[in-house]
Amino acid sequence: MYKKITFLFLIILYIPGVTLGDDFEKLCSYFRGVDEVLRTESDRNFNIYQYIDKNVNTNLTSDSPARQTWQVIIYAVPDKRYDMVKSTAEEILQKKWHCDAMKKYLPILGE
């Protein structure tokens, strides 16, 4: 399973003609938004995955590497997810990248 997901990430890395913009930062901002929602949300059934997925599908184009990364990351081993996103973002952006909120919430998605 890990090899299949790694292969999907390699495909994402080499999609020609993709505009990068700040999509990985947008993706990170959706994870940061979880803390705010959890502080103010009275609904105990708040679903982090659905919240982020809705933001991704609404705000990131289908050819966005950040969106494509999000679409496959949920199938990765939970404790490997953040490192895979981080390395993908850094390879695409050609600079250091991190997202503390994503590191916090990615391992627990789908539980």
PDB file of N, CA and C in Angstrom:
ATOM      1  N   MET A   1       0.824  -1.195   0.000  1.00  0.00           N
ATOM      2  CA  MET A   1       0.000   0.000   0.000  1.00  0.00           C
ATOM      3  C   MET A   1       0.865   1.255   0.000  1.00  0.00           C
ATOM      4  N   TYR A   2       1.922   1.275   0.810  1.00  0.00           N
ATOM      5  CA  TYR A   2       2.806   2.433   0.907  1.00  0.00           C
ATOM      6  C   TYR A   2       3.456   2.725  -0.446  1.00  0.00           C
ATOM      7  N   LYS A   3       3.833   1.683  -1.188  1.00  0.00           N
ATOM      8  CA  LYS A   3       4.469   1.861  -2.497  1.00  0.00           C
ATOM      9  C   LYS A   3       3.492   2.469  -3.497  1.00  0.00           C
ATOM     10  N   LYS A   4       2.216   2.065  -3.448  1.00  0.00           N
ATOM     11  CA  LYS A   4       1.220   2.620  -4.358  1.00  0.00           C
ATOM     12  C   LYS A   4       1.017   4.104  -4.094  1.00  0.00           C
ATOM     13  N   ILE A   5       0.950   4.487  -2.847  1.00  0.00           N
ATOM     14  CA  ILE A   5       0.742   5.890  -2.508  1.00  0.00           C
ATOM     15  C   ILE A   5       1.970   6.705  -2.875  1.00  0.00           C
ATOM     16  N   THR A   6       3.156   6.172  -2.648  1.00  0.00           N
ATOM     17  CA  THR A   6       4.371   6.872  -3.047  1.00  0.00           C
ATOM     18  C   THR A   6       4.381   7.091  -4.557  1.00  0.00           C
ATOM     19  N   PHE A   7       3.951   6.108  -5.323  1.00  0.00           N
ATOM     20  CA  PHE A   7       3.873   6.237  -6.772  1.00  0.00           C
ATOM     21  C   PHE A   7       2.904   7.349  -7.162  1.00  0.00           C
ATOM     22  N   LEU A   8       1.757   7.435  -6.498  1.00  0.00           N
ATOM     23  CA  LEU A   8       0.800   8.498  -6.788  1.00  0.00           C
ATOM     24  C   LEU A   8       1.402   9.862  -6.509  1.00  0.00           C
ATOM     25  N   PHE A   9       2.182   9.981  -5.442  1.00  0.00           N
ATOM     26  CA  PHE A   9       2.832  11.240  -5.125  1.00  0.00           C
ATOM     27  C   PHE A   9       3.841  11.605  -6.208  1.00  0.00           C
ATOM     28  N   LEU A  10       4.553  10.629  -6.743  1.00  0.00           N
ATOM     29  CA  LEU A  10       5.514  10.908  -7.809  1.00  0.00           C
ATOM     30  C   LEU A  10       4.803  11.409  -9.059  1.00  0.00           C
ATOM     31  N   ILE A  11       3.648  10.874  -9.348  1.00  0.00           N
ATOM     32  CA  ILE A  11       2.864  11.354 -10.487  1.00  0.00           C
ATOM     33  C   ILE A  11       2.473  12.811 -10.259  1.00  0.00           C
ATOM     34  N   ILE A  12       2.031  13.147  -9.072  1.00  0.00           N
ATOM     35  CA  ILE A  12       1.639  14.512  -8.751  1.00  0.00           C
ATOM     36  C   ILE A  12       2.809  15.463  -8.939  1.00  0.00           C
ATOM     37  N   LEU A  13       3.993  15.032  -8.579  1.00  0.00           N
ATOM     38  CA  LEU A  13       5.170  15.898  -8.663  1.00  0.00           C
ATOM     39  C   LEU A  13       5.493  16.320 -10.088  1.00  0.00           C
ATOM     40  N   TYR A  14       5.113  15.531 -11.056  1.00  0.00           N
ATOM     41  CA  TYR A  14       5.548  15.794 -12.420  1.00  0.00           C
ATOM     42  C   TYR A  14       4.405  16.088 -13.380  1.00  0.00           C
ATOM     43  N   ILE A  15       3.328  16.648 -12.888  1.00  0.00           N
ATOM     44  CA  ILE A  15       2.228  17.047 -13.752  1.00  0.00           C
ATOM     45  C   ILE A  15       2.630  18.326 -14.475  1.00  0.00           C
ATOM     46  N   PRO A  16       2.686  18.307 -15.791  1.00  0.00           N
ATOM     47  CA  PRO A  16       3.136  19.497 -16.529  1.00  0.00           C
ATOM     48  C   PRO A  16       2.078  20.594 -16.548  1.00  0.00           C
ATOM     49  N   GLY A  17       2.527  21.831 -16.552  1.00  0.00           N
ATOM     50  CA  GLY A  17       1.640  22.962 -16.747  1.00  0.00           C
ATOM     51  C   GLY A  17       0.784  23.326 -15.553  1.00  0.00           C
ATOM     52  N   VAL A  18       1.084  22.820 -14.405  1.00  0.00           N
ATOM     53  CA  VAL A  18       0.275  23.104 -13.234  1.00  0.00           C
ATOM     54  C   VAL A  18       0.740  24.415 -12.605  1.00  0.00           C
ATOM     55  N   THR A  19      -0.205  25.263 -12.275  1.00  0.00           N
ATOM     56  CA  THR A  19       0.142  26.487 -11.561  1.00  0.00           C
ATOM     57  C   THR A  19       0.097  26.193 -10.073  1.00  0.00           C
ATOM     58  N   LEU A  20       1.161  26.561  -9.371  1.00  0.00           N
ATOM     59  CA  LEU A  20       1.272  26.197  -7.969  1.00  0.00           C
ATOM     60  C   LEU A  20       0.629  27.209  -7.042  1.00  0.00           C
ATOM     61  N   GLY A  21       0.876  28.504  -7.306  1.00  0.00           N
ATOM     62  CA  GLY A  21       0.331  29.526  -6.432  1.00  0.00           C
ATOM     63  C   GLY A  21       0.644  29.227  -4.981  1.00  0.00           C
ATOM     64  N   ASP A  22      -0.302  29.453  -4.142  1.00  0.00           N
ATOM     65  CA  ASP A  22      -0.107  29.208  -2.716  1.00  0.00           C
ATOM     66  C   ASP A  22      -1.035  28.099  -2.221  1.00  0.00           C
ATOM     67  N   ASP A  23      -1.261  27.109  -3.054  1.00  0.00           N
ATOM     68  CA  ASP A  23      -2.222  26.061  -2.719  1.00  0.00           C
ATOM     69  C   ASP A  23      -1.842  25.247  -1.491  1.00  0.00           C
ATOM     70  N   PHE A  24      -0.562  24.996  -1.286  1.00  0.00           N
ATOM     71  CA  PHE A  24      -0.184  24.258  -0.084  1.00  0.00           C
ATOM     72  C   PHE A  24      -0.420  25.108   1.161  1.00  0.00           C
ATOM     73  N   GLU A  25      -0.250  26.418   1.026  1.00  0.00           N
ATOM     74  CA  GLU A  25      -0.566  27.299   2.154  1.00  0.00           C
ATOM     75  C   GLU A  25      -2.071  27.348   2.400  1.00  0.00           C
ATOM     76  N   LYS A  26      -2.845  27.325   1.330  1.00  0.00           N
ATOM     77  CA  LYS A  26      -4.303  27.269   1.488  1.00  0.00           C
ATOM     78  C   LYS A  26      -4.690  25.975   2.207  1.00  0.00           C
ATOM     79  N   LEU A  27      -4.108  24.868   1.770  1.00  0.00           N
ATOM     80  CA  LEU A  27      -4.400  23.587   2.408  1.00  0.00           C
ATOM     81  C   LEU A  27      -4.063  23.647   3.892  1.00  0.00           C
ATOM     82  N   CYS A  28      -2.925  24.218   4.216  1.00  0.00           N
ATOM     83  CA  CYS A  28      -2.535  24.368   5.608  1.00  0.00           C
ATOM     84  C   CYS A  28      -3.542  25.236   6.365  1.00  0.00           C
ATOM     85  N   SER A  29      -4.005  26.301   5.728  1.00  0.00           N
ATOM     86  CA  SER A  29      -4.954  27.198   6.399  1.00  0.00           C
ATOM     87  C   SER A  29      -6.256  26.479   6.756  1.00  0.00           C
ATOM     88  N   TYR A  30      -6.655  25.503   5.966  1.00  0.00           N
ATOM     89  CA  TYR A  30      -7.870  24.738   6.294  1.00  0.00           C
ATOM     90  C   TYR A  30      -7.648  23.921   7.565  1.00  0.00           C
ATOM     91  N   PHE A  31      -6.449  23.390   7.726  1.00  0.00           N
ATOM     92  CA  PHE A  31      -6.126  22.662   8.954  1.00  0.00           C
ATOM     93  C   PHE A  31      -6.058  23.614  10.146  1.00  0.00           C
ATOM     94  N   ARG A  32      -5.485  24.803   9.937  1.00  0.00           N
ATOM     95  CA  ARG A  32      -5.460  25.802  11.016  1.00  0.00           C
ATOM     96  C   ARG A  32      -6.876  26.212  11.410  1.00  0.00           C
ATOM     97  N   GLY A  33      -7.769  26.236  10.444  1.00  0.00           N
ATOM     98  CA  GLY A  33      -9.161  26.592  10.708  1.00  0.00           C
ATOM     99  C   GLY A  33      -9.878  25.604  11.598  1.00  0.00           C
ATOM    100  N   VAL A  34      -9.387  24.382  11.655  1.00  0.00           N
ATOM    101  CA  VAL A  34     -10.019  23.358  12.496  1.00  0.00           C
ATOM    102  C   VAL A  34     -10.012  23.795  13.962  1.00  0.00           C
ATOM    103  N   ASP A  35      -8.887  24.321  14.434  1.00  0.00           N
ATOM    104  CA  ASP A  35      -8.816  24.763  15.828  1.00  0.00           C
ATOM    105  C   ASP A  35      -9.887  25.803  16.133  1.00  0.00           C
ATOM    106  N   GLU A  36     -10.056  26.759  15.236  1.00  0.00           N
ATOM    107  CA  GLU A  36     -11.054  27.813  15.434  1.00  0.00           C
ATOM    108  C   GLU A  36     -12.467  27.229  15.462  1.00  0.00           C
ATOM    109  N   VAL A  37     -12.750  26.343  14.527  1.00  0.00           N
ATOM    110  CA  VAL A  37     -14.072  25.722  14.479  1.00  0.00           C
ATOM    111  C   VAL A  37     -14.329  24.914  15.746  1.00  0.00           C
ATOM    112  N   LEU A  38     -13.329  24.175  16.195  1.00  0.00           N
ATOM    113  CA  LEU A  38     -13.507  23.364  17.407  1.00  0.00           C
ATOM    114  C   LEU A  38     -13.735  24.235  18.640  1.00  0.00           C
ATOM    115  N   ARG A  39     -13.145  25.430  18.656  1.00  0.00           N
ATOM    116  CA  ARG A  39     -13.364  26.346  19.785  1.00  0.00           C
ATOM    117  C   ARG A  39     -14.775  26.918  19.793  1.00  0.00           C
ATOM    118  N   THR A  40     -15.347  27.129  18.616  1.00  0.00           N
ATOM    119  CA  THR A  40     -16.631  27.812  18.517  1.00  0.00           C
ATOM    120  C   THR A  40     -17.791  26.897  18.157  1.00  0.00           C
ATOM    121  N   GLU A  41     -17.509  25.750  17.647  1.00  0.00           N
ATOM    122  CA  GLU A  41     -18.544  24.831  17.161  1.00  0.00           C
ATOM    123  C   GLU A  41     -19.236  24.137  18.320  1.00  0.00           C
ATOM    124  N   SER A  42     -20.550  24.219  18.337  1.00  0.00           N
ATOM    125  CA  SER A  42     -21.293  23.538  19.398  1.00  0.00           C
ATOM    126  C   SER A  42     -21.680  22.118  18.985  1.00  0.00           C
ATOM    127  N   ASP A  43     -21.534  21.806  17.703  1.00  0.00           N
ATOM    128  CA  ASP A  43     -21.877  20.480  17.199  1.00  0.00           C
ATOM    129  C   ASP A  43     -20.789  19.478  17.570  1.00  0.00           C
ATOM    130  N   ARG A  44     -21.102  18.547  18.395  1.00  0.00           N
ATOM    131  CA  ARG A  44     -20.130  17.531  18.835  1.00  0.00           C
ATOM    132  C   ARG A  44     -19.796  16.549  17.718  1.00  0.00           C
ATOM    133  N   ASN A  45     -20.564  16.565  16.657  1.00  0.00           N
ATOM    134  CA  ASN A  45     -20.340  15.646  15.546  1.00  0.00           C
ATOM    135  C   ASN A  45     -19.506  16.281  14.436  1.00  0.00           C
ATOM    136  N   PHE A  46     -18.817  17.376  14.740  1.00  0.00           N
ATOM    137  CA  PHE A  46     -17.973  18.038  13.748  1.00  0.00           C
ATOM    138  C   PHE A  46     -16.979  17.036  13.184  1.00  0.00           C
ATOM    139  N   ASN A  47     -16.891  16.987  11.865  1.00  0.00           N
ATOM    140  CA  ASN A  47     -16.018  16.035  11.187  1.00  0.00           C
ATOM    141  C   ASN A  47     -14.879  16.793  10.509  1.00  0.00           C
ATOM    142  N   ILE A  48     -13.671  16.608  11.003  1.00  0.00           N
ATOM    143  CA  ILE A  48     -12.508  17.325  10.490  1.00  0.00           C
ATOM    144  C   ILE A  48     -12.285  17.009   9.009  1.00  0.00           C
ATOM    145  N   TYR A  49     -12.359  15.742   8.659  1.00  0.00           N
ATOM    146  CA  TYR A  49     -12.138  15.357   7.264  1.00  0.00           C
ATOM    147  C   TYR A  49     -13.122  16.074   6.337  1.00  0.00           C
ATOM    148  N   GLN A  50     -14.401  16.053   6.674  1.00  0.00           N
ATOM    149  CA  GLN A  50     -15.408  16.688   5.830  1.00  0.00           C
ATOM    150  C   GLN A  50     -15.190  18.190   5.722  1.00  0.00           C
ATOM    151  N   TYR A  51     -14.795  18.821   6.813  1.00  0.00           N
ATOM    152  CA  TYR A  51     -14.523  20.259   6.817  1.00  0.00           C
ATOM    153  C   TYR A  51     -13.387  20.599   5.845  1.00  0.00           C
ATOM    154  N   ILE A  52     -12.295  19.865   5.942  1.00  0.00           N
ATOM    155  CA  ILE A  52     -11.146  20.137   5.077  1.00  0.00           C
ATOM    156  C   ILE A  52     -11.471  19.762   3.633  1.00  0.00           C
ATOM    157  N   ASP A  53     -12.101  18.625   3.440  1.00  0.00           N
ATOM    158  CA  ASP A  53     -12.436  18.174   2.092  1.00  0.00           C
ATOM    159  C   ASP A  53     -13.337  19.185   1.381  1.00  0.00           C
ATOM    160  N   LYS A  54     -14.304  19.729   2.077  1.00  0.00           N
ATOM    161  CA  LYS A  54     -15.199  20.737   1.491  1.00  0.00           C
ATOM    162  C   LYS A  54     -14.399  21.974   1.067  1.00  0.00           C
ATOM    163  N   ASN A  55     -13.492  22.446   1.921  1.00  0.00           N
ATOM    164  CA  ASN A  55     -12.668  23.604   1.581  1.00  0.00           C
ATOM    165  C   ASN A  55     -11.759  23.319   0.390  1.00  0.00           C
ATOM    166  N   VAL A  56     -11.149  22.144   0.375  1.00  0.00           N
ATOM    167  CA  VAL A  56     -10.267  21.768  -0.731  1.00  0.00           C
ATOM    168  C   VAL A  56     -11.039  21.733  -2.039  1.00  0.00           C
ATOM    169  N   ASN A  57     -12.180  21.056  -2.034  1.00  0.00           N
ATOM    170  CA  ASN A  57     -12.953  20.905  -3.270  1.00  0.00           C
ATOM    171  C   ASN A  57     -13.581  22.211  -3.739  1.00  0.00           C
ATOM    172  N   THR A  58     -13.831  23.126  -2.824  1.00  0.00           N
ATOM    173  CA  THR A  58     -14.408  24.419  -3.175  1.00  0.00           C
ATOM    174  C   THR A  58     -13.354  25.405  -3.665  1.00  0.00           C
ATOM    175  N   ASN A  59     -12.172  25.372  -3.067  1.00  0.00           N
ATOM    176  CA  ASN A  59     -11.197  26.438  -3.273  1.00  0.00           C
ATOM    177  C   ASN A  59      -9.952  26.083  -4.079  1.00  0.00           C
ATOM    178  N   LEU A  60      -9.690  24.816  -4.301  1.00  0.00           N
ATOM    179  CA  LEU A  60      -8.502  24.415  -5.063  1.00  0.00           C
ATOM    180  C   LEU A  60      -8.936  23.764  -6.370  1.00  0.00           C
ATOM    181  N   THR A  61      -8.292  24.134  -7.457  1.00  0.00           N
ATOM    182  CA  THR A  61      -8.646  23.569  -8.752  1.00  0.00           C
ATOM    183  C   THR A  61      -8.274  22.088  -8.815  1.00  0.00           C
ATOM    184  N   SER A  62      -8.903  21.383  -9.727  1.00  0.00           N
ATOM    185  CA  SER A  62      -8.662  19.937  -9.816  1.00  0.00           C
ATOM    186  C   SER A  62      -7.231  19.604 -10.222  1.00  0.00           C
ATOM    187  N   ASP A  63      -6.526  20.539 -10.874  1.00  0.00           N
ATOM    188  CA  ASP A  63      -5.140  20.263 -11.266  1.00  0.00           C
ATOM    189  C   ASP A  63      -4.131  20.758 -10.232  1.00  0.00           C
ATOM    190  N   SER A  64      -4.607  21.213  -9.091  1.00  0.00           N
ATOM    191  CA  SER A  64      -3.719  21.681  -8.028  1.00  0.00           C
ATOM    192  C   SER A  64      -2.991  20.506  -7.379  1.00  0.00           C
ATOM    193  N   PRO A  65      -1.661  20.562  -7.304  1.00  0.00           N
ATOM    194  CA  PRO A  65      -0.924  19.500  -6.624  1.00  0.00           C
ATOM    195  C   PRO A  65      -1.333  19.353  -5.155  1.00  0.00           C
ATOM    196  N   ALA A  66      -1.675  20.452  -4.509  1.00  0.00           N
ATOM    197  CA  ALA A  66      -2.117  20.371  -3.110  1.00  0.00           C
ATOM    198  C   ALA A  66      -3.430  19.606  -3.011  1.00  0.00           C
ATOM    199  N   ARG A  67      -4.346  19.857  -3.931  1.00  0.00           N
ATOM    200  CA  ARG A  67      -5.624  19.130  -3.928  1.00  0.00           C
ATOM    201  C   ARG A  67      -5.401  17.653  -4.229  1.00  0.00           C
ATOM    202  N   GLN A  68      -4.558  17.367  -5.202  1.00  0.00           N
ATOM    203  CA  GLN A  68      -4.296  15.975  -5.551  1.00  0.00           C
ATOM    204  C   GLN A  68      -3.593  15.247  -4.408  1.00  0.00           C
ATOM    205  N   THR A  69      -2.713  15.951  -3.726  1.00  0.00           N
ATOM    206  CA  THR A  69      -2.048  15.365  -2.562  1.00  0.00           C
ATOM    207  C   THR A  69      -3.080  15.038  -1.497  1.00  0.00           C
ATOM    208  N   TRP A  70      -3.983  15.979  -1.231  1.00  0.00           N
ATOM    209  CA  TRP A  70      -5.037  15.764  -0.239  1.00  0.00           C
ATOM    210  C   TRP A  70      -5.881  14.544  -0.609  1.00  0.00           C
ATOM    211  N   GLN A  71      -6.193  14.380  -1.882  1.00  0.00           N
ATOM    212  CA  GLN A  71      -7.072  13.303  -2.311  1.00  0.00           C
ATOM    213  C   GLN A  71      -6.475  11.911  -2.108  1.00  0.00           C
ATOM    214  N   VAL A  72      -5.150  11.808  -2.076  1.00  0.00           N
ATOM    215  CA  VAL A  72      -4.546  10.482  -1.890  1.00  0.00           C
ATOM    216  C   VAL A  72      -3.996  10.261  -0.480  1.00  0.00           C
ATOM    217  N   ILE A  73      -3.759  11.328   0.252  1.00  0.00           N
ATOM    218  CA  ILE A  73      -3.066  11.196   1.538  1.00  0.00           C
ATOM    219  C   ILE A  73      -3.870  10.417   2.571  1.00  0.00           C
ATOM    220  N   ILE A  74      -5.167  10.476   2.496  1.00  0.00           N
ATOM    221  CA  ILE A  74      -6.008   9.803   3.489  1.00  0.00           C
ATOM    222  C   ILE A  74      -5.806   8.285   3.438  1.00  0.00           C
ATOM    223  N   TYR A  75      -5.307   7.771   2.312  1.00  0.00           N
ATOM    224  CA  TYR A  75      -5.095   6.333   2.165  1.00  0.00           C
ATOM    225  C   TYR A  75      -3.729   5.879   2.679  1.00  0.00           C
ATOM    226  N   ALA A  76      -2.897   6.830   3.054  1.00  0.00           N
ATOM    227  CA  ALA A  76      -1.570   6.494   3.583  1.00  0.00           C
ATOM    228  C   ALA A  76      -1.662   6.070   5.047  1.00  0.00           C
ATOM    229  N   VAL A  77      -0.636   5.404   5.502  1.00  0.00           N
ATOM    230  CA  VAL A  77      -0.535   5.037   6.917  1.00  0.00           C
ATOM    231  C   VAL A  77      -0.588   6.343   7.725  1.00  0.00           C
ATOM    232  N   PRO A  78      -1.468   6.431   8.729  1.00  0.00           N
ATOM    233  CA  PRO A  78      -1.664   7.697   9.442  1.00  0.00           C
ATOM    234  C   PRO A  78      -0.397   8.393   9.926  1.00  0.00           C
ATOM    235  N   ASP A  79       0.540   7.652  10.493  1.00  0.00           N
ATOM    236  CA  ASP A  79       1.731   8.320  11.034  1.00  0.00           C
ATOM    237  C   ASP A  79       2.755   8.706   9.952  1.00  0.00           C
ATOM    238  N   LYS A  80       2.488   8.369   8.697  1.00  0.00           N
ATOM    239  CA  LYS A  80       3.371   8.744   7.580  1.00  0.00           C
ATOM    240  C   LYS A  80       2.790   9.898   6.758  1.00  0.00           C
ATOM    241  N   ARG A  81       1.536  10.231   6.961  1.00  0.00           N
ATOM    242  CA  ARG A  81       0.837  11.198   6.118  1.00  0.00           C
ATOM    243  C   ARG A  81       1.526  12.556   6.077  1.00  0.00           C
ATOM    244  N   TYR A  82       1.815  13.112   7.238  1.00  0.00           N
ATOM    245  CA  TYR A  82       2.380  14.461   7.253  1.00  0.00           C
ATOM    246  C   TYR A  82       3.724  14.510   6.540  1.00  0.00           C
ATOM    247  N   ASP A  83       4.585  13.559   6.813  1.00  0.00           N
ATOM    248  CA  ASP A  83       5.901  13.548   6.168  1.00  0.00           C
ATOM    249  C   ASP A  83       5.775  13.447   4.654  1.00  0.00           C
ATOM    250  N   MET A  84       4.784  12.702   4.185  1.00  0.00           N
ATOM    251  CA  MET A  84       4.579  12.573   2.747  1.00  0.00           C
ATOM    252  C   MET A  84       4.101  13.890   2.144  1.00  0.00           C
ATOM    253  N   VAL A  85       3.174  14.573   2.811  1.00  0.00           N
ATOM    254  CA  VAL A  85       2.702  15.865   2.310  1.00  0.00           C
ATOM    255  C   VAL A  85       3.842  16.880   2.332  1.00  0.00           C
ATOM    256  N   LYS A  86       4.574  16.903   3.437  1.00  0.00           N
ATOM    257  CA  LYS A  86       5.681  17.852   3.590  1.00  0.00           C
ATOM    258  C   LYS A  86       6.717  17.660   2.486  1.00  0.00           C
ATOM    259  N   SER A  87       7.120  16.434   2.247  1.00  0.00           N
ATOM    260  CA  SER A  87       8.137  16.194   1.213  1.00  0.00           C
ATOM    261  C   SER A  87       7.598  16.512  -0.178  1.00  0.00           C
ATOM    262  N   THR A  88       6.327  16.234  -0.429  1.00  0.00           N
ATOM    263  CA  THR A  88       5.720  16.575  -1.717  1.00  0.00           C
ATOM    264  C   THR A  88       5.700  18.088  -1.908  1.00  0.00           C
ATOM    265  N   ALA A  89       5.256  18.810  -0.890  1.00  0.00           N
ATOM    266  CA  ALA A  89       5.204  20.274  -0.967  1.00  0.00           C
ATOM    267  C   ALA A  89       6.600  20.851  -1.197  1.00  0.00           C
ATOM    268  N   GLU A  90       7.570  20.355  -0.468  1.00  0.00           N
ATOM    269  CA  GLU A  90       8.934  20.881  -0.608  1.00  0.00           C
ATOM    270  C   GLU A  90       9.518  20.584  -1.981  1.00  0.00           C
ATOM    271  N   GLU A  91       9.211  19.435  -2.528  1.00  0.00           N
ATOM    272  CA  GLU A  91       9.702  19.088  -3.861  1.00  0.00           C
ATOM    273  C   GLU A  91       9.062  19.991  -4.917  1.00  0.00           C
ATOM    274  N   ILE A  92       7.787  20.226  -4.795  1.00  0.00           N
ATOM    275  CA  ILE A  92       7.074  21.066  -5.764  1.00  0.00           C
ATOM    276  C   ILE A  92       7.463  22.535  -5.623  1.00  0.00           C
ATOM    277  N   LEU A  93       7.489  23.019  -4.391  1.00  0.00           N
ATOM    278  CA  LEU A  93       7.755  24.433  -4.148  1.00  0.00           C
ATOM    279  C   LEU A  93       9.242  24.783  -4.199  1.00  0.00           C
ATOM    280  N   GLN A  94      10.086  23.764  -4.092  1.00  0.00           N
ATOM    281  CA  GLN A  94      11.541  23.952  -4.080  1.00  0.00           C
ATOM    282  C   GLN A  94      11.988  24.858  -2.937  1.00  0.00           C
ATOM    283  N   LYS A  95      11.358  24.674  -1.778  1.00  0.00           N
ATOM    284  CA  LYS A  95      11.735  25.386  -0.558  1.00  0.00           C
ATOM    285  C   LYS A  95      11.191  24.615   0.635  1.00  0.00           C
ATOM    286  N   LYS A  96      11.708  24.947   1.812  1.00  0.00           N
ATOM    287  CA  LYS A  96      11.227  24.318   3.038  1.00  0.00           C
ATOM    288  C   LYS A  96       9.772  24.688   3.252  1.00  0.00           C
ATOM    289  N   TRP A  97       9.013  23.756   3.776  1.00  0.00           N
ATOM    290  CA  TRP A  97       7.590  23.974   4.019  1.00  0.00           C
ATOM    291  C   TRP A  97       7.194  23.176   5.248  1.00  0.00           C
ATOM    292  N   HIS A  98       6.297  23.726   6.060  1.00  0.00           N
ATOM    293  CA  HIS A  98       5.742  22.982   7.187  1.00  0.00           C
ATOM    294  C   HIS A  98       4.372  23.532   7.536  1.00  0.00           C
ATOM    295  N   CYS A  99       3.613  22.726   8.248  1.00  0.00           N
ATOM    296  CA  CYS A  99       2.276  23.118   8.680  1.00  0.00           C
ATOM    297  C   CYS A  99       1.981  22.380   9.984  1.00  0.00           C
ATOM    298  N   ASP A 100       2.139  23.092  11.094  1.00  0.00           N
ATOM    299  CA  ASP A 100       1.945  22.470  12.405  1.00  0.00           C
ATOM    300  C   ASP A 100       0.542  21.909  12.596  1.00  0.00           C
ATOM    301  N   ALA A 101      -0.464  22.625  12.099  1.00  0.00           N
ATOM    302  CA  ALA A 101      -1.849  22.154  12.256  1.00  0.00           C
ATOM    303  C   ALA A 101      -2.080  20.859  11.483  1.00  0.00           C
ATOM    304  N   MET A 102      -1.496  20.761  10.305  1.00  0.00           N
ATOM    305  CA  MET A 102      -1.623  19.545   9.514  1.00  0.00           C
ATOM    306  C   MET A 102      -0.926  18.380  10.218  1.00  0.00           C
ATOM    307  N   LYS A 103       0.220  18.665  10.778  1.00  0.00           N
ATOM    308  CA  LYS A 103       0.963  17.635  11.513  1.00  0.00           C
ATOM    309  C   LYS A 103       0.131  17.113  12.685  1.00  0.00           C
ATOM    310  N   LYS A 104      -0.633  17.996  13.286  1.00  0.00           N
ATOM    311  CA  LYS A 104      -1.485  17.639  14.429  1.00  0.00           C
ATOM    312  C   LYS A 104      -2.686  16.791  14.007  1.00  0.00           C
ATOM    313  N   TYR A 105      -3.335  17.165  12.914  1.00  0.00           N
ATOM    314  CA  TYR A 105      -4.612  16.527  12.569  1.00  0.00           C
ATOM    315  C   TYR A 105      -4.531  15.411  11.537  1.00  0.00           C
ATOM    316  N   LEU A 106      -3.554  15.391  10.644  1.00  0.00           N
ATOM    317  CA  LEU A 106      -3.501  14.335   9.630  1.00  0.00           C
ATOM    318  C   LEU A 106      -3.494  12.923  10.204  1.00  0.00           C
ATOM    319  N   PRO A 107      -2.737  12.663  11.269  1.00  0.00           N
ATOM    320  CA  PRO A 107      -2.725  11.290  11.788  1.00  0.00           C
ATOM    321  C   PRO A 107      -4.063  10.785  12.335  1.00  0.00           C
ATOM    322  N   ILE A 108      -4.954  11.700  12.711  1.00  0.00           N
ATOM    323  CA  ILE A 108      -6.220  11.244  13.315  1.00  0.00           C
ATOM    324  C   ILE A 108      -7.396  11.250  12.348  1.00  0.00           C
ATOM    325  N   LEU A 109      -7.186  11.691  11.121  1.00  0.00           N
ATOM    326  CA  LEU A 109      -8.276  11.677  10.162  1.00  0.00           C
ATOM    327  C   LEU A 109      -8.674  10.248   9.844  1.00  0.00           C
ATOM    328  N   GLY A 110      -9.966  10.029   9.764  1.00  0.00           N
ATOM    329  CA  GLY A 110     -10.479   8.713   9.435  1.00  0.00           C
ATOM    330  C   GLY A 110     -10.654   7.797  10.635  1.00  0.00           C
ATOM    331  N   GLU A 111     -10.375   8.323  11.818  1.00  0.00           N
ATOM    332  CA  GLU A 111     -10.553   7.490  13.026  1.00  0.00           C
ATOM    333  C   GLU A 111     -11.989   7.531  13.485  1.00  0.00           C
TER     334      GLU A 111
END
